C-alpha atoms as a PDB file:
ATOM      1  CA  MET A   1       5.747   8.286  -1.426  1.00  0.00           C
ATOM      2  CA  ASP A   2       7.177   4.816  -1.615  1.00  0.00           C
ATOM      3  CA  ILE A   3       8.983   3.862   1.275  1.00  0.00           C
ATOM      4  CA  SER A   4       9.617   0.283   0.832  1.00  0.00           C
ATOM      5  CA  PRO A   5      13.420  -0.691   1.691  1.00  0.00           C
ATOM      6  CA  LEU A   6      15.999   0.102  -0.382  1.00  0.00           C
ATOM      7  CA  VAL A   7      18.230  -2.827  -1.234  1.00  0.00           C
ATOM      8  CA  ILE A   8      21.934  -2.489  -2.377  1.00  0.00           C
ATOM      9  CA  SER A   9      23.861  -4.890  -4.189  1.00  0.00           C
ATOM     10  CA  LEU A  10      27.449  -5.375  -3.544  1.00  0.00           C
ATOM     11  CA  GLY A  11      27.892  -8.169  -5.775  1.00  0.00           C
ATOM     12  CA  GLU A  12      26.679 -11.943  -5.981  1.00  0.00           C
ATOM     13  CA  THR A  13      27.232 -12.536  -2.361  1.00  0.00           C
ATOM     14  CA  GLU A  14      26.426  -9.230  -0.139  1.00  0.00           C
ATOM     15  CA  GLU A  15      23.228  -6.950   0.136  1.00  0.00           C
ATOM     16  CA  TRP A  16      22.424  -4.357   2.384  1.00  0.00           C
ATOM     17  CA  ASP A  17      19.136  -3.408   3.531  1.00  0.00           C
ATOM     18  CA  ILE A  18      18.947   0.230   3.632  1.00  0.00           C
ATOM     19  CA  ASN A  19      15.386   1.210   5.401  1.00  0.00           C
ATOM     20  CA  PRO A  20      15.123   5.235   5.695  1.00  0.00           C
ATOM     21  CA  VAL A  21      12.174   4.671   7.833  1.00  0.00           C
ATOM     22  CA  SER A  22      12.099   3.301  11.680  1.00  0.00           C
ATOM     23  CA  PRO A  23      10.193  -0.302  11.570  1.00  0.00           C
ATOM     24  CA  PHE A  24       6.935  -0.341  13.513  1.00  0.00           C
ATOM     25  CA  PRO A  25       7.798  -1.003  16.982  1.00  0.00           C
ATOM     26  CA  LEU A  26       4.976  -3.230  17.719  1.00  0.00           C
ATOM     27  CA  VAL A  27       4.461  -6.893  16.884  1.00  0.00           C
ATOM     28  CA  LEU A  28       0.709  -8.622  16.936  1.00  0.00           C
ATOM     29  CA  TYR A  29       0.014 -12.060  17.716  1.00  0.00           C
ATOM     30  CA  LYS A  30      -3.669 -13.744  17.335  1.00  0.00           C
ATOM     31  CA  LEU A  31      -4.611 -16.722  18.924  1.00  0.00           C
ATOM     32  CA  ASN A  32      -5.625 -19.495  16.534  1.00  0.00           C
ATOM     33  CA  ASP A  33      -7.344 -22.103  19.045  1.00  0.00           C
ATOM     34  CA  GLU A  34      -8.191 -24.528  15.993  1.00  0.00           C
ATOM     35  CA  GLU A  35      -4.143 -24.859  15.253  1.00  0.00           C
ATOM     36  CA  GLU A  36      -3.331 -24.284  18.917  1.00  0.00           C
ATOM     37  CA  ARG A  37      -0.876 -21.579  18.215  1.00  0.00           C
ATOM     38  CA  PHE A  38      -0.304 -17.864  17.734  1.00  0.00           C
ATOM     39  CA  ASP A  39      -0.299 -16.392  14.313  1.00  0.00           C
ATOM     40  CA  LYS A  40       1.558 -12.999  13.385  1.00  0.00           C
ATOM     41  CA  LEU A  41      -0.277 -10.447  11.761  1.00  0.00           C
ATOM     42  CA  ASN A  42       1.141  -7.861   9.568  1.00  0.00           C
ATOM     43  CA  VAL A  43       0.652  -4.505  11.047  1.00  0.00           C
ATOM     44  CA  ASN A  44       2.373  -1.142  10.451  1.00  0.00           C
ATOM     45  CA  SER A  45       0.720   1.298  12.451  1.00  0.00           C
ATOM     46  CA  VAL A  46      -1.522   1.231  15.715  1.00  0.00           C
ATOM     47  CA  GLU A  47      -4.632   1.717  13.636  1.00  0.00           C
ATOM     48  CA  GLN A  48      -4.322  -1.513  12.085  1.00  0.00           C
ATOM     49  CA  ILE A  49      -4.100  -3.342  15.649  1.00  0.00           C
ATOM     50  CA  HIS A  50      -7.577  -1.628  16.852  1.00  0.00           C
ATOM     51  CA  PRO A  51      -9.864  -3.911  14.716  1.00  0.00           C
ATOM     52  CA  TYR A  52      -8.485  -7.021  16.280  1.00  0.00           C
ATOM     53  CA  LEU A  53      -9.114  -5.856  20.136  1.00  0.00           C
ATOM     54  CA  THR A  54     -12.650  -7.499  19.825  1.00  0.00           C
ATOM     55  CA  PHE A  55     -14.347  -9.609  22.841  1.00  0.00           C
ATOM     56  CA  SER A  56     -13.753 -12.610  21.481  1.00  0.00           C
ATOM     57  CA  ASN A  57      -9.641 -12.809  20.440  1.00  0.00           C
ATOM     58  CA  ILE A  58      -6.807 -13.321  22.505  1.00  0.00           C
ATOM     59  CA  LEU A  59      -3.511 -11.310  21.111  1.00  0.00           C
ATOM     60  CA  ILE A  60       0.099 -11.033  22.075  1.00  0.00           C
ATOM     61  CA  ILE A  61       1.310  -7.478  21.713  1.00  0.00           C
ATOM     62  CA  ILE A  62       4.763  -7.012  21.650  1.00  0.00           C
ATOM     63  CA  ASP A  63       6.492  -3.908  22.107  1.00  0.00           C
ATOM     64  CA  THR A  64      10.184  -4.042  20.671  1.00  0.00           C
ATOM     65  CA  LYS A  65      10.939  -0.500  21.779  1.00  0.00           C
ATOM     66  CA  GLY A  66       9.820  -0.769  25.258  1.00  0.00           C
ATOM     67  CA  GLN A  67      10.704  -4.521  25.517  1.00  0.00           C
ATOM     68  CA  GLN A  68       7.224  -5.485  26.878  1.00  0.00           C
ATOM     69  CA  ALA A  69       4.810  -8.135  26.071  1.00  0.00           C
ATOM     70  CA  TYR A  70       0.964  -7.991  26.694  1.00  0.00           C
ATOM     71  CA  LEU A  71      -1.343 -11.182  26.338  1.00  0.00           C
ATOM     72  CA  TRP A  72      -4.731  -9.061  25.805  1.00  0.00           C
ATOM     73  CA  VAL A  73      -7.909 -11.124  26.398  1.00  0.00           C
ATOM     74  CA  GLY A  74     -11.056 -10.303  25.140  1.00  0.00           C
ATOM     75  CA  LYS A  75     -14.185 -10.606  27.541  1.00  0.00           C
ATOM     76  CA  GLU A  76     -15.834 -13.343  25.700  1.00  0.00           C
ATOM     77  CA  ALA A  77     -12.975 -15.753  24.998  1.00  0.00           C
ATOM     78  CA  THR A  78     -13.599 -19.138  26.242  1.00  0.00           C
ATOM     79  CA  VAL A  79     -12.103 -20.832  29.077  1.00  0.00           C
ATOM     80  CA  HIS A  80     -10.651 -23.223  26.693  1.00  0.00           C
ATOM     81  CA  MET A  81      -9.022 -20.184  24.624  1.00  0.00           C
ATOM     82  CA  LYS A  82      -7.675 -18.768  28.012  1.00  0.00           C
ATOM     83  CA  PHE A  83      -5.904 -21.797  28.968  1.00  0.00           C
ATOM     84  CA  LEU A  84      -4.307 -22.580  25.782  1.00  0.00           C
ATOM     85  CA  ALA A  85      -3.163 -18.696  25.430  1.00  0.00           C
ATOM     86  CA  ALA A  86      -1.578 -19.070  29.066  1.00  0.00           C
ATOM     87  CA  ARG A  87       0.286 -22.256  28.035  1.00  0.00           C
ATOM     88  CA  ILE A  88       1.581 -21.235  24.338  1.00  0.00           C
ATOM     89  CA  ALA A  89       2.089 -17.362  25.037  1.00  0.00           C
ATOM     90  CA  PRO A  90       5.535 -17.582  26.719  1.00  0.00           C
ATOM     91  CA  ALA A  91       6.658 -19.524  23.555  1.00  0.00           C
ATOM     92  CA  THR A  92       5.454 -16.808  21.305  1.00  0.00           C
ATOM     93  CA  ARG A  93       7.089 -14.089  23.343  1.00  0.00           C
ATOM     94  CA  ASP A  94      10.431 -16.198  23.653  1.00  0.00           C
ATOM     95  CA  LEU A  95      10.649 -15.685  19.433  1.00  0.00           C
ATOM     96  CA  HIS A  96      11.892 -12.180  20.147  1.00  0.00           C
ATOM     97  CA  GLY A  97      15.433 -13.618  20.800  1.00  0.00           C
ATOM     98  CA  SER A  98      17.268 -11.572  23.400  1.00  0.00           C
ATOM     99  CA  MET A  99      14.167  -9.804  24.693  1.00  0.00           C
ATOM    100  CA  SER A 100      12.651 -13.274  26.059  1.00  0.00           C
ATOM    101  CA  THR A 101      13.473 -12.073  29.568  1.00  0.00           C
ATOM    102  CA  MET A 102      10.613  -9.549  29.337  1.00  0.00           C
ATOM    103  CA  GLN A 103       7.678  -9.923  31.251  1.00  0.00           C
ATOM    104  CA  LEU A 104       4.333 -10.842  29.944  1.00  0.00           C
ATOM    105  CA  HIS A 105       1.540  -8.819  31.095  1.00  0.00           C
ATOM    106  CA  ASN A 106      -1.938 -10.333  31.327  1.00  0.00           C
ATOM    107  CA  ILE A 107      -4.620  -7.672  30.450  1.00  0.00           C
ATOM    108  CA  GLU A 108      -8.293  -8.010  30.407  1.00  0.00           C
ATOM    109  CA  GLU A 109     -10.677  -6.360  27.851  1.00  0.00           C
ATOM    110  CA  SER A 110     -12.134  -3.124  29.771  1.00  0.00           C
ATOM    111  CA  GLU A 111      -9.087  -3.249  32.498  1.00  0.00           C
ATOM    112  CA  GLU A 112      -6.403  -2.094  30.308  1.00  0.00           C
ATOM    113  CA  PRO A 113      -3.781   0.051  32.195  1.00  0.00           C
ATOM    114  CA  PRO A 114      -2.847   3.481  31.160  1.00  0.00           C
ATOM    115  CA  GLU A 115       0.484   2.313  29.484  1.00  0.00           C
ATOM    116  CA  PHE A 116      -1.283   0.098  27.667  1.00  0.00           C
ATOM    117  CA  LYS A 117      -4.060   2.355  26.393  1.00  0.00           C
ATOM    118  CA  GLU A 118      -1.349   4.936  25.529  1.00  0.00           C
ATOM    119  CA  LEU A 119       0.692   2.459  23.718  1.00  0.00           C
ATOM    120  CA  LEU A 120      -2.226   1.777  21.311  1.00  0.00           C
ATOM    121  CA  GLN A 121      -3.615   5.178  21.358  1.00  0.00           C
ATOM    122  CA  ILE A 122      -6.919   3.736  22.743  1.00  0.00           C
END
């Protein structure tokens, strides 16, 4: 079954997107320490997030439905990566418009709170 968005053309200047499926509410970013930025990753399910939860990664997970943001830090992330992530994570969170006032929760690998585990089904 194809669930790609349906676009209805209303002439040359107007189009409406009609998507019968709610968009996936989580947005995932992975720290790219070489470029000193967070890169947005295309995920459509929590199962697609699981492979990124590795000991050397630092991730930002935005819950657009619950209006929460999480900075997840793998156990073996370097000190440089941690400082870089702490410095640039708020700007990445702020890309989400009106939700930019949401708190950014810092989470260390193996110390995930129950609500985070429930969100990611881990």
